[in-house]
Every structure is written in C-alpha cells, then in structure tokens.
Amino acid sequence: MSEPIIRFDKVVKRFGALTVLDRLDFTVQPGEKVSIIGPSGSGKSTVLRILMTLEPIQEGTIWVDGHPLWHEERDGRLVPASEAHLREMRKLLGMVFQQFNLFPHMTVLRNITEAPIAVLGMSKQEARERAMELLELVGLADQADKFPHQLSGGQQQRVGIARALAMRPKIMLFDEPTSALDPELVGEVLTVIGKLAHEHDLTMLLVTHEMRFAREVSDRVCFFDQGRMVEEGPPDQLFTEPREARTREFLKAVLAPQE
C-alpha cells in the first residue's frame, strides 16, 4: 500500500475543557473516497477544519502529502509551522463548506477565477478557460455572468465546488455540503459530487449525513463518536453488518426514517 496522503497521529483537539478529538489516528490513501459519519458533536467537521488550518491542534502530528501540516521540519525536528508553511500546505486542499461563502459582489465567473489569479499566479485567460471547464463540469456554464443572489442554493453550492476545484487541489474536503439546502436541491449537488468521485482521481473526504450517498460514493466509511473513530470499513460491510454496538445504534436511528 502506498504512503497515506493524509495521516493523523495521536491528534488531540480541545475547545477549552472539551476534548473534541481524543488521540485520533486516521489515514486516507491517495485517490481514496472516504465518508465520515456520526452524531452531532462527534468531531467530524473538526477533522476537516483542522486540515484546512482553520483550527489548530493541541497534541499529535498531521501529515498531508508527505509533509507535516501544523509543524515544519527544522534541524531534524518538528517545530510549530510558520504562516508561510501553512499557506503552502493550504494549496493542497480544497474545501466545500455547508454555507456557500460566495462573494456576493462578484459574478459566478469571477468567484471562480479570483483565487487562481491571486494565489496561483494564473493568467486571466487561463483562469477563465479553467473556470468555464469547471462550470461545464457542474452543469452551470450558462450561469457564468450571474451574481450569487440570482442562483438557487443548489446552484450556489455547485459554484462553490467549481471554485474549490479551480485551485487544483490534490484533496477535496466536503463539510456536509447539502445541509443548508432545501430537500429538492440536494440531489443536484450530490450528483456533481458523485460524478467527481467516479470520474476523477481526486482524494475526497466527505462529512455527510446523507447515508445512502455515503454508501454509493465511498471506498470506506468511518463512524466517529465522542472524538474517536469507533469503526471503519467498506460501505456495504459498515452499513449492513457493523461490528460495534454504538455503530448499530447510530445507524438504526438515522436509517429508520428513510425506509
């Protein structure tokens, strides 16, 4: 097996007296599609926020693409990362949030081209061509000149996906990307994410409460509870024959209304 592209080694994250991640060990292989499921407050979204360097860690080490994330190597030892190191590491990751976070005063096209030009140094022409390819991918090529307020929530989230992809990340993170959407708009966003998963060689880490989708799109599903990974496995095994009582209890609660 190749070296993991993401590796959490005994990671601890606290908010005050509350331990949100409790000595977490967790790996993701290059190109793997992994869903994280679990109850509210289990630490799922915190994993993504730490990877995006939005939340620091208190203990442990995280490695992304062979490099320490929150540390850097100096004189043969790991020291806390500088802002310059964090900036470089962020380029490896793209994140799609629950809220769409589009710039309201910019057109769809400019929302997607702004960061590649400013951060990656792309020419305006190259950024525009890339943006139009991505809008085609998410089914919104005809909406390039509109402003976010002129789009539905599902369309805004698809623009958010195109914007994250425009930075050419190696890893895509999805933090409950459908939770802010009206139920009838969920499907269009899941379809785009599913297409990405099946047709592109991206590493994908999804925090989702859409169990059926997690089952269809993932190579592996991880069940988190109280800051630890209770169980992990291929989706068919975890959803039909979970080994742990806590996993069975959670799945029974969330799957019952869908049947």
Protein backbone atom coordinates (compact mmCIF):
# COMPACT_ATOMS: atom_id res chain seq x y z
CA MET A 1 0.00 0.00 0.00
CA SER A 2 1.27 3.49 -0.83
CA GLU A 3 2.05 6.15 1.75
CA PRO A 4 -1.18 7.78 3.04
CA ILE A 5 -1.89 11.25 1.64
CA ILE A 6 -3.49 12.19 5.00
CA ARG A 7 -2.29 10.83 8.33
CA PHE A 8 -3.46 11.88 11.80
CA ASP A 9 -1.11 10.58 14.51
CA LYS A 10 -2.48 10.77 18.09
CA VAL A 11 -4.16 14.11 17.36
CA VAL A 12 -5.85 15.94 20.22
CA LYS A 13 -8.13 18.92 19.70
CA ARG A 14 -9.72 20.73 22.62
CA PHE A 15 -12.09 23.65 22.88
CA GLY A 16 -11.46 24.79 26.44
CA ALA A 17 -12.19 21.84 28.74
CA LEU A 18 -13.99 19.92 25.97
CA THR A 19 -11.91 17.33 24.11
CA VAL A 20 -13.28 17.16 20.55
CA LEU A 21 -10.66 14.78 19.09
CA ASP A 22 -9.16 12.28 21.51
CA ARG A 23 -5.74 10.98 20.33
CA LEU A 24 -7.13 10.35 16.85
CA ASP A 25 -5.29 8.01 14.49
CA PHE A 26 -6.69 8.25 10.97
CA THR A 27 -5.32 7.78 7.44
CA VAL A 28 -6.55 8.33 3.88
CA GLN A 29 -4.84 6.82 0.83
CA PRO A 30 -4.21 8.81 -2.39
CA GLY A 31 -7.32 8.76 -4.58
CA GLU A 32 -9.46 7.22 -1.83
CA LYS A 33 -13.03 8.46 -1.28
CA VAL A 34 -13.79 8.41 2.46
CA SER A 35 -17.01 9.43 4.20
CA ILE A 36 -17.11 10.34 7.89
CA ILE A 37 -20.44 9.80 9.61
CA GLY A 38 -21.50 10.14 13.22
CA PRO A 39 -23.69 12.07 15.63
CA SER A 40 -23.52 15.83 16.09
CA GLY A 41 -20.51 16.79 18.20
CA SER A 42 -18.51 13.65 17.34
CA GLY A 43 -15.61 15.64 15.85
CA LYS A 44 -16.41 15.01 12.16
CA SER A 45 -16.31 18.59 10.88
CA THR A 46 -13.40 19.41 13.20
CA VAL A 47 -11.25 16.93 11.22
CA LEU A 48 -11.87 18.97 8.06
CA ARG A 49 -11.40 22.34 9.74
CA ILE A 50 -8.04 21.18 11.13
CA LEU A 51 -6.95 20.01 7.68
CA MET A 52 -7.87 23.42 6.22
CA THR A 53 -5.81 25.01 9.04
CA LEU A 54 -8.92 26.78 10.35
CA GLU A 55 -8.46 25.16 13.78
CA PRO A 56 -5.10 24.38 15.44
CA ILE A 57 -4.36 21.13 17.27
CA GLN A 58 -3.08 20.75 20.82
CA GLU A 59 -1.22 17.43 20.52
CA GLY A 60 -0.10 14.96 17.87
CA THR A 61 1.04 15.36 14.27
CA ILE A 62 -0.78 15.53 10.96
CA TRP A 63 0.91 14.69 7.66
CA VAL A 64 -0.53 15.77 4.29
CA ASP A 65 1.11 14.55 1.07
CA GLY A 66 4.26 13.59 2.98
CA HIS A 67 4.65 16.93 4.77
CA PRO A 68 3.75 17.85 8.37
CA LEU A 69 0.73 20.19 8.36
CA TRP A 70 0.81 22.05 11.68
CA HIS A 71 4.58 21.64 12.05
CA GLU A 72 7.63 22.06 9.87
CA GLU A 73 10.97 20.32 9.98
CA ARG A 74 13.87 22.41 11.21
CA ASP A 75 17.28 20.97 12.12
CA GLY A 76 15.86 17.46 12.06
CA ARG A 77 12.97 18.12 14.44
CA LEU A 78 9.37 19.28 14.18
CA VAL A 79 8.58 22.81 15.28
CA PRO A 80 5.26 24.73 15.06
CA ALA A 81 4.50 25.75 11.47
CA SER A 82 5.08 29.28 10.24
CA GLU A 83 2.31 31.15 8.42
CA ALA A 84 4.29 30.72 5.17
CA HIS A 85 4.33 26.92 5.64
CA LEU A 86 0.58 26.85 6.37
CA ARG A 87 -0.07 28.93 3.24
CA GLU A 88 1.82 26.43 1.08
CA MET A 89 0.05 23.44 2.67
CA ARG A 90 -3.38 25.01 2.07
CA LYS A 91 -2.76 24.82 -1.68
CA LEU A 92 -3.05 21.02 -1.47
CA LEU A 93 -6.62 21.15 -0.21
CA GLY A 94 -9.95 22.45 -1.48
CA MET A 95 -12.98 22.69 0.79
CA VAL A 96 -16.70 22.95 0.15
CA PHE A 97 -18.50 24.31 3.20
CA GLN A 98 -22.07 23.94 4.47
CA GLN A 99 -22.64 27.62 3.68
CA PHE A 100 -21.71 28.60 0.15
CA ASN A 101 -19.43 31.53 1.11
CA LEU A 102 -19.51 33.04 -2.40
CA PHE A 103 -18.53 36.70 -2.81
CA PRO A 104 -21.93 38.40 -3.34
CA HIS A 105 -20.50 41.35 -5.32
CA MET A 106 -18.68 39.12 -7.86
CA THR A 107 -20.11 37.23 -10.81
CA VAL A 108 -20.02 33.43 -10.79
CA LEU A 109 -17.06 33.52 -13.18
CA ARG A 110 -15.07 35.96 -11.05
CA ASN A 111 -15.83 33.97 -7.88
CA ILE A 112 -14.00 31.07 -9.53
CA THR A 113 -11.12 32.97 -11.21
CA GLU A 114 -10.18 35.32 -8.35
CA ALA A 115 -8.08 32.95 -6.22
CA PRO A 116 -6.24 31.12 -9.06
CA ILE A 117 -5.09 34.52 -10.40
CA ALA A 118 -4.18 35.97 -6.97
CA VAL A 119 -2.76 32.86 -5.27
CA LEU A 120 -1.54 30.56 -8.05
CA GLY A 121 -0.46 33.35 -10.41
CA MET A 122 -2.59 32.06 -13.31
CA SER A 123 -3.12 34.38 -16.25
CA LYS A 124 -6.64 35.80 -16.58
CA GLN A 125 -7.11 33.87 -19.81
CA GLU A 126 -6.03 30.53 -18.30
CA ALA A 127 -8.14 31.11 -15.18
CA ARG A 128 -11.16 31.95 -17.32
CA GLU A 129 -10.74 28.85 -19.52
CA ARG A 130 -10.35 26.66 -16.43
CA ALA A 131 -13.40 28.25 -14.79
CA MET A 132 -15.56 27.65 -17.85
CA GLU A 133 -14.44 23.97 -17.97
CA LEU A 134 -15.40 23.59 -14.32
CA LEU A 135 -18.75 25.33 -14.78
CA GLU A 136 -19.40 22.85 -17.59
CA LEU A 137 -18.50 20.02 -15.19
CA VAL A 138 -21.00 21.22 -12.58
CA GLY A 139 -23.68 21.99 -15.19
CA LEU A 140 -23.63 25.78 -14.89
CA ALA A 141 -21.76 27.03 -17.97
CA ASP A 142 -24.75 29.23 -18.84
CA GLN A 143 -24.69 31.00 -15.44
CA ALA A 144 -21.15 32.46 -15.61
CA ASP A 145 -22.23 36.11 -15.72
CA LYS A 146 -24.86 35.91 -12.98
CA PHE A 147 -24.37 37.00 -9.37
CA PRO A 148 -24.83 34.57 -6.45
CA HIS A 149 -28.18 36.08 -5.38
CA GLN A 150 -29.59 35.18 -8.82
CA LEU A 151 -28.90 31.46 -8.25
CA SER A 152 -30.67 28.78 -6.21
CA GLY A 153 -28.91 27.32 -3.17
CA GLY A 154 -28.05 24.17 -5.12
CA GLN A 155 -26.54 26.22 -7.94
CA GLN A 156 -24.54 28.30 -5.45
CA GLN A 157 -23.15 25.14 -3.87
CA ARG A 158 -22.17 23.81 -7.30
CA VAL A 159 -20.32 27.09 -7.93
CA GLY A 160 -18.62 26.51 -4.57
CA ILE A 161 -17.45 23.09 -5.79
CA ALA A 162 -16.13 24.60 -9.05
CA ARG A 163 -14.34 27.33 -7.07
CA ALA A 164 -12.58 24.78 -4.84
CA LEU A 165 -11.54 22.70 -7.87
CA ALA A 166 -10.16 25.78 -9.64
CA MET A 167 -7.23 25.79 -7.21
CA ARG A 168 -6.16 22.34 -8.50
CA PRO A 169 -6.14 20.71 -5.04
CA LYS A 170 -4.93 17.14 -4.51
CA ILE A 171 -7.54 16.64 -1.79
CA MET A 172 -11.18 17.77 -1.74
CA LEU A 173 -12.98 18.19 1.57
CA PHE A 174 -16.78 18.37 1.77
CA ASP A 175 -18.31 19.50 5.07
CA GLU A 176 -21.98 18.46 4.97
CA PRO A 177 -22.32 20.17 1.58
CA THR A 178 -26.10 19.64 1.37
CA SER A 179 -27.16 20.52 4.92
CA ALA A 180 -28.08 24.15 4.08
CA LEU A 181 -30.14 23.19 1.01
CA ASP A 182 -33.85 22.72 0.52
CA PRO A 183 -34.55 18.97 0.15
CA GLU A 184 -35.40 19.20 -3.57
CA LEU A 185 -31.98 20.78 -4.32
CA VAL A 186 -29.89 18.14 -2.50
CA GLY A 187 -29.86 15.71 -5.42
CA GLU A 188 -28.25 18.08 -7.92
CA VAL A 189 -25.29 18.72 -5.60
CA LEU A 190 -24.86 15.04 -4.71
CA THR A 191 -24.92 14.19 -8.44
CA VAL A 192 -21.99 16.55 -9.07
CA ILE A 193 -20.00 15.18 -6.12
CA GLY A 194 -20.74 11.62 -7.24
CA LYS A 195 -19.52 12.46 -10.75
CA LEU A 196 -16.30 13.87 -9.29
CA ALA A 197 -15.81 10.74 -7.19
CA HIS A 198 -16.32 8.31 -10.06
CA GLU A 199 -14.59 10.18 -12.90
CA HIS A 200 -11.67 12.00 -11.27
CA ASP A 201 -8.59 10.80 -9.45
CA LEU A 202 -9.04 13.16 -6.51
CA THR A 203 -8.71 12.16 -2.89
CA MET A 204 -12.05 13.03 -1.28
CA LEU A 205 -13.03 13.29 2.35
CA LEU A 206 -16.75 13.84 2.98
CA VAL A 207 -18.54 14.62 6.21
CA THR A 208 -22.16 13.84 5.43
CA HIS A 209 -25.48 12.89 6.97
CA GLU A 210 -26.70 11.52 3.62
CA MET A 211 -26.21 7.83 4.40
CA ARG A 212 -27.37 6.46 1.06
CA PHE A 213 -24.98 8.79 -0.73
CA ALA A 214 -22.08 7.84 1.57
CA ARG A 215 -22.76 4.21 0.73
CA GLU A 216 -22.77 4.82 -3.04
CA VAL A 217 -19.78 7.14 -3.34
CA SER A 218 -17.27 5.93 -0.73
CA ASP A 219 -14.46 3.41 -0.79
CA ARG A 220 -14.55 3.47 3.02
CA VAL A 221 -16.90 4.83 5.67
CA CYS A 222 -15.67 5.88 9.13
CA PHE A 223 -18.03 6.18 12.09
CA PHE A 224 -16.95 8.78 14.66
CA ASP A 225 -18.32 9.21 18.15
CA GLN A 226 -17.01 11.37 21.02
CA GLY A 227 -13.83 12.34 19.22
CA ARG A 228 -12.75 8.83 18.27
CA MET A 229 -13.13 6.60 15.27
CA VAL A 230 -15.32 3.79 16.57
CA GLU A 231 -15.41 1.73 13.39
CA GLU A 232 -14.39 1.87 9.73
CA GLY A 233 -14.94 -0.38 6.75
CA PRO A 234 -16.21 -0.71 3.19
CA PRO A 235 -19.70 0.84 2.94
CA ASP A 236 -21.53 -2.43 2.33
CA GLN A 237 -19.97 -4.01 5.40
CA LEU A 238 -20.38 -1.00 7.70
CA PHE A 239 -24.00 -0.31 6.74
CA THR A 240 -25.21 -3.93 6.70
CA GLU A 241 -23.04 -5.67 9.31
CA PRO A 242 -21.48 -3.10 11.66
CA ARG A 243 -19.30 -4.75 14.29
CA GLU A 244 -19.71 -2.20 17.09
CA ALA A 245 -22.89 -1.79 19.15
CA ARG A 246 -22.54 2.03 19.05
CA THR A 247 -22.41 1.98 15.22
CA ARG A 248 -25.51 -0.24 15.08
CA GLU A 249 -27.37 2.07 17.46
CA PHE A 250 -26.48 5.18 15.38
CA LEU A 251 -27.39 3.60 12.04
CA LYS A 252 -30.67 2.29 13.40
CA ALA A 253 -31.58 5.83 14.49
CA VAL A 254 -30.62 7.59 11.23
CA LEU A 255 -31.72 4.97 8.72
CA ALA A 256 -35.14 4.15 10.19
CA PRO A 257 -36.92 7.29 8.83
CA GLN A 258 -35.57 6.65 5.31
CA GLU A 259 -37.17 3.23 4.95
